[in-house]
Structure formats: C-alpha cells, structure tokens
Amino acid sequence: MQTLADVLGKEIKVADSDQTCALGASIFAAVAAGIYNDVVEAQRYMSSPAGTVYIPDKDRHTIYNILYKKYLYLGKVANNY
C-alpha cells in the first residue's frame, strides 16, 4: 500500500474492517434504496474509521513520475518498429 501511495502521490486510507466488500455493497444498497442521496453521504455515515493511513513519500513520487515518463517514451519508440 505504501508503494501505491507513493506512485499515486495520494494518501491511502485502509478501512479497519474484515468485511469491506459487504460494507461497500451495503453502502450502494442504501443509496439505491434512497436512504442516502449519494455514495459520499452514505460513506460518511456508514464507514468505519481508517485503521491504517499511508502517506505518500514526495521524493519517491517524483522518482516514479520520472520512471513513468521513461516508460511512455520507450513505448513510443517500440511502436515505431
């Protein structure tokens, strides 16, 4: 998860729940049933607090961006053959 946070440059919050799939389904069901207006509102009231939060490392994020640009360049070069 730390690598994902570093690559995306965004904070990743992991729910403190063993039943995250069931929780997600119930959130969507509550919206479909009209209990909440939208998913964001349902999440606010139904979600459990984050158990772990991964903060991106800015230096690693910069490195991943450089590597991604090189990857895209190599893809263009390979397509020219």
N, C-alpha and C. Protein backbone atom coordinates (compact mmCIF):
# COMPACT_ATOMS: atom_id res chain seq x y z
N MET A 1 0.81 -1.19 0.00
CA MET A 1 0.00 0.00 0.00
C MET A 1 0.86 1.26 0.00
N GLN A 2 2.01 1.18 0.66
CA GLN A 2 2.89 2.35 0.67
C GLN A 2 3.35 2.68 -0.74
N THR A 3 3.68 1.63 -1.52
CA THR A 3 4.11 1.86 -2.90
C THR A 3 3.00 2.51 -3.70
N LEU A 4 1.76 2.07 -3.53
CA LEU A 4 0.63 2.67 -4.24
C LEU A 4 0.48 4.14 -3.87
N ALA A 5 0.60 4.45 -2.59
CA ALA A 5 0.51 5.85 -2.15
C ALA A 5 1.63 6.68 -2.78
N ASP A 6 2.84 6.11 -2.85
CA ASP A 6 3.97 6.82 -3.44
C ASP A 6 3.76 7.04 -4.93
N VAL A 7 3.30 6.02 -5.64
CA VAL A 7 3.08 6.12 -7.08
C VAL A 7 1.99 7.15 -7.40
N LEU A 8 0.87 7.07 -6.70
CA LEU A 8 -0.25 7.97 -6.96
C LEU A 8 -0.04 9.37 -6.39
N GLY A 9 0.82 9.47 -5.38
CA GLY A 9 1.02 10.75 -4.72
C GLY A 9 -0.19 11.14 -3.90
N LYS A 10 -0.92 10.14 -3.44
CA LYS A 10 -2.15 10.39 -2.68
C LYS A 10 -2.16 9.55 -1.41
N GLU A 11 -2.81 10.08 -0.39
CA GLU A 11 -2.98 9.36 0.86
C GLU A 11 -3.91 8.17 0.65
N ILE A 12 -3.54 7.02 1.19
CA ILE A 12 -4.36 5.82 1.09
C ILE A 12 -4.85 5.46 2.48
N LYS A 13 -6.15 5.40 2.63
CA LYS A 13 -6.75 5.02 3.92
C LYS A 13 -7.32 3.62 3.78
N VAL A 14 -6.92 2.74 4.68
CA VAL A 14 -7.38 1.35 4.67
C VAL A 14 -8.40 1.19 5.79
N ALA A 15 -9.58 0.73 5.43
CA ALA A 15 -10.66 0.56 6.41
C ALA A 15 -10.28 -0.48 7.46
N ASP A 16 -10.69 -0.21 8.67
CA ASP A 16 -10.44 -1.12 9.79
C ASP A 16 -11.62 -2.08 9.91
N SER A 17 -11.77 -2.95 8.89
CA SER A 17 -12.90 -3.86 8.85
C SER A 17 -12.50 -5.13 8.11
N ASP A 18 -12.99 -6.25 8.59
CA ASP A 18 -12.75 -7.52 7.89
C ASP A 18 -13.77 -7.74 6.78
N GLN A 19 -14.81 -6.93 6.75
CA GLN A 19 -15.91 -7.12 5.80
C GLN A 19 -16.08 -5.91 4.88
N THR A 20 -14.99 -5.44 4.29
CA THR A 20 -15.08 -4.24 3.47
C THR A 20 -15.94 -4.44 2.22
N CYS A 21 -15.93 -5.66 1.66
CA CYS A 21 -16.78 -5.90 0.47
C CYS A 21 -18.26 -5.80 0.84
N ALA A 22 -18.63 -6.39 1.95
CA ALA A 22 -20.03 -6.33 2.40
C ALA A 22 -20.41 -4.89 2.77
N LEU A 23 -19.49 -4.17 3.36
CA LEU A 23 -19.75 -2.77 3.71
C LEU A 23 -19.98 -1.94 2.45
N GLY A 24 -19.14 -2.14 1.45
CA GLY A 24 -19.31 -1.42 0.18
C GLY A 24 -20.65 -1.74 -0.47
N ALA A 25 -21.03 -3.01 -0.45
CA ALA A 25 -22.32 -3.40 -1.03
C ALA A 25 -23.47 -2.77 -0.28
N SER A 26 -23.36 -2.72 1.03
CA SER A 26 -24.45 -2.12 1.82
C SER A 26 -24.53 -0.61 1.62
N ILE A 27 -23.39 0.02 1.39
CA ILE A 27 -23.39 1.46 1.10
C ILE A 27 -24.13 1.73 -0.20
N PHE A 28 -23.81 0.96 -1.24
CA PHE A 28 -24.50 1.14 -2.52
C PHE A 28 -25.98 0.79 -2.41
N ALA A 29 -26.30 -0.23 -1.63
CA ALA A 29 -27.70 -0.61 -1.44
C ALA A 29 -28.47 0.50 -0.72
N ALA A 30 -27.85 1.12 0.25
CA ALA A 30 -28.51 2.21 0.98
C ALA A 30 -28.80 3.40 0.06
N VAL A 31 -27.89 3.68 -0.87
CA VAL A 31 -28.12 4.75 -1.84
C VAL A 31 -29.24 4.35 -2.80
N ALA A 32 -29.20 3.11 -3.29
CA ALA A 32 -30.23 2.63 -4.22
C ALA A 32 -31.61 2.62 -3.57
N ALA A 33 -31.65 2.37 -2.26
CA ALA A 33 -32.92 2.34 -1.54
C ALA A 33 -33.41 3.74 -1.19
N GLY A 34 -32.59 4.74 -1.43
CA GLY A 34 -32.99 6.12 -1.15
C GLY A 34 -32.75 6.56 0.28
N ILE A 35 -32.04 5.77 1.04
CA ILE A 35 -31.75 6.13 2.43
C ILE A 35 -30.78 7.32 2.47
N TYR A 36 -29.82 7.31 1.54
CA TYR A 36 -28.86 8.41 1.40
C TYR A 36 -28.94 8.94 -0.02
N ASN A 37 -28.59 10.20 -0.19
CA ASN A 37 -28.67 10.84 -1.50
C ASN A 37 -27.60 10.37 -2.47
N ASP A 38 -26.41 10.09 -1.95
CA ASP A 38 -25.31 9.66 -2.81
C ASP A 38 -24.33 8.81 -2.01
N VAL A 39 -23.37 8.24 -2.72
CA VAL A 39 -22.40 7.35 -2.10
C VAL A 39 -21.54 8.08 -1.07
N VAL A 40 -21.16 9.30 -1.35
CA VAL A 40 -20.32 10.06 -0.41
C VAL A 40 -21.04 10.23 0.93
N GLU A 41 -22.32 10.57 0.87
CA GLU A 41 -23.09 10.73 2.10
C GLU A 41 -23.20 9.40 2.84
N ALA A 42 -23.48 8.33 2.12
CA ALA A 42 -23.60 7.01 2.75
C ALA A 42 -22.28 6.59 3.38
N GLN A 43 -21.18 6.86 2.71
CA GLN A 43 -19.87 6.53 3.27
C GLN A 43 -19.62 7.28 4.57
N ARG A 44 -20.01 8.53 4.59
CA ARG A 44 -19.80 9.36 5.79
C ARG A 44 -20.49 8.74 7.01
N TYR A 45 -21.68 8.22 6.81
CA TYR A 45 -22.45 7.69 7.95
C TYR A 45 -22.20 6.21 8.23
N MET A 46 -21.81 5.45 7.22
CA MET A 46 -21.75 4.00 7.39
C MET A 46 -20.34 3.42 7.52
N SER A 47 -19.34 4.13 7.05
CA SER A 47 -17.98 3.58 7.02
C SER A 47 -17.34 3.56 8.39
N SER A 48 -16.50 2.57 8.58
CA SER A 48 -15.71 2.51 9.81
C SER A 48 -14.49 3.41 9.63
N PRO A 49 -13.90 3.83 10.72
CA PRO A 49 -12.71 4.70 10.59
C PRO A 49 -11.55 3.94 9.96
N ALA A 50 -10.63 4.68 9.37
CA ALA A 50 -9.46 4.06 8.76
C ALA A 50 -8.58 3.45 9.84
N GLY A 51 -8.15 2.22 9.59
CA GLY A 51 -7.27 1.55 10.53
C GLY A 51 -5.82 1.94 10.30
N THR A 52 -5.46 2.08 9.03
CA THR A 52 -4.10 2.45 8.66
C THR A 52 -4.15 3.51 7.58
N VAL A 53 -3.28 4.48 7.67
CA VAL A 53 -3.20 5.53 6.66
C VAL A 53 -1.77 5.55 6.12
N TYR A 54 -1.65 5.50 4.80
CA TYR A 54 -0.35 5.54 4.15
C TYR A 54 -0.16 6.92 3.52
N ILE A 55 0.88 7.61 3.94
CA ILE A 55 1.20 8.95 3.45
C ILE A 55 2.25 8.82 2.35
N PRO A 56 2.01 9.43 1.18
CA PRO A 56 2.99 9.29 0.11
C PRO A 56 4.31 10.01 0.43
N ASP A 57 5.38 9.38 0.00
CA ASP A 57 6.71 9.98 0.11
C ASP A 57 6.93 10.81 -1.15
N LYS A 58 7.09 12.12 -1.00
CA LYS A 58 7.20 13.03 -2.15
C LYS A 58 8.40 12.72 -3.03
N ASP A 59 9.53 12.34 -2.42
CA ASP A 59 10.72 12.02 -3.21
C ASP A 59 10.49 10.77 -4.07
N ARG A 60 9.88 9.76 -3.49
CA ARG A 60 9.59 8.55 -4.26
C ARG A 60 8.57 8.82 -5.35
N HIS A 61 7.59 9.68 -5.05
CA HIS A 61 6.59 10.04 -6.05
C HIS A 61 7.26 10.70 -7.26
N THR A 62 8.21 11.56 -7.00
CA THR A 62 8.95 12.22 -8.08
C THR A 62 9.70 11.19 -8.91
N ILE A 63 10.35 10.25 -8.26
CA ILE A 63 11.09 9.21 -8.96
C ILE A 63 10.15 8.36 -9.81
N TYR A 64 9.00 7.98 -9.26
CA TYR A 64 8.04 7.17 -10.03
C TYR A 64 7.54 7.95 -11.24
N ASN A 65 7.34 9.25 -11.12
CA ASN A 65 6.91 10.05 -12.27
C ASN A 65 7.97 10.08 -13.35
N ILE A 66 9.23 10.21 -12.98
CA ILE A 66 10.33 10.18 -13.95
C ILE A 66 10.37 8.83 -14.66
N LEU A 67 10.28 7.77 -13.89
CA LEU A 67 10.31 6.42 -14.47
C LEU A 67 9.11 6.19 -15.39
N TYR A 68 7.95 6.71 -15.03
CA TYR A 68 6.76 6.54 -15.87
C TYR A 68 6.93 7.27 -17.20
N LYS A 69 7.51 8.46 -17.17
CA LYS A 69 7.76 9.19 -18.41
C LYS A 69 8.72 8.43 -19.31
N LYS A 70 9.74 7.81 -18.71
CA LYS A 70 10.68 6.99 -19.49
C LYS A 70 9.96 5.79 -20.09
N TYR A 71 9.08 5.18 -19.31
CA TYR A 71 8.29 4.04 -19.78
C TYR A 71 7.43 4.43 -20.99
N LEU A 72 6.77 5.58 -20.91
CA LEU A 72 5.94 6.05 -22.03
C LEU A 72 6.80 6.31 -23.26
N TYR A 73 7.97 6.89 -23.06
CA TYR A 73 8.88 7.16 -24.17
C TYR A 73 9.31 5.85 -24.84
N LEU A 74 9.69 4.87 -24.04
CA LEU A 74 10.10 3.58 -24.59
C LEU A 74 8.96 2.91 -25.35
N GLY A 75 7.74 3.09 -24.88
CA GLY A 75 6.58 2.54 -25.58
C GLY A 75 6.41 3.16 -26.95
N LYS A 76 6.64 4.46 -27.05
CA LYS A 76 6.55 5.15 -28.33
C LYS A 76 7.63 4.68 -29.28
N VAL A 77 8.85 4.53 -28.75
CA VAL A 77 9.97 4.07 -29.56
C VAL A 77 9.70 2.67 -30.09
N ALA A 78 9.20 1.80 -29.22
CA ALA A 78 8.93 0.42 -29.62
C ALA A 78 7.84 0.35 -30.68
N ASN A 79 6.87 1.25 -30.64
CA ASN A 79 5.79 1.24 -31.62
C ASN A 79 6.25 1.71 -33.00
N ASN A 80 7.39 2.38 -33.07
CA ASN A 80 7.91 2.86 -34.35
C ASN A 80 8.62 1.75 -35.13
N TYR A 81 8.82 0.59 -34.53
CA TYR A 81 9.49 -0.51 -35.22
C TYR A 81 8.53 -1.44 -35.87
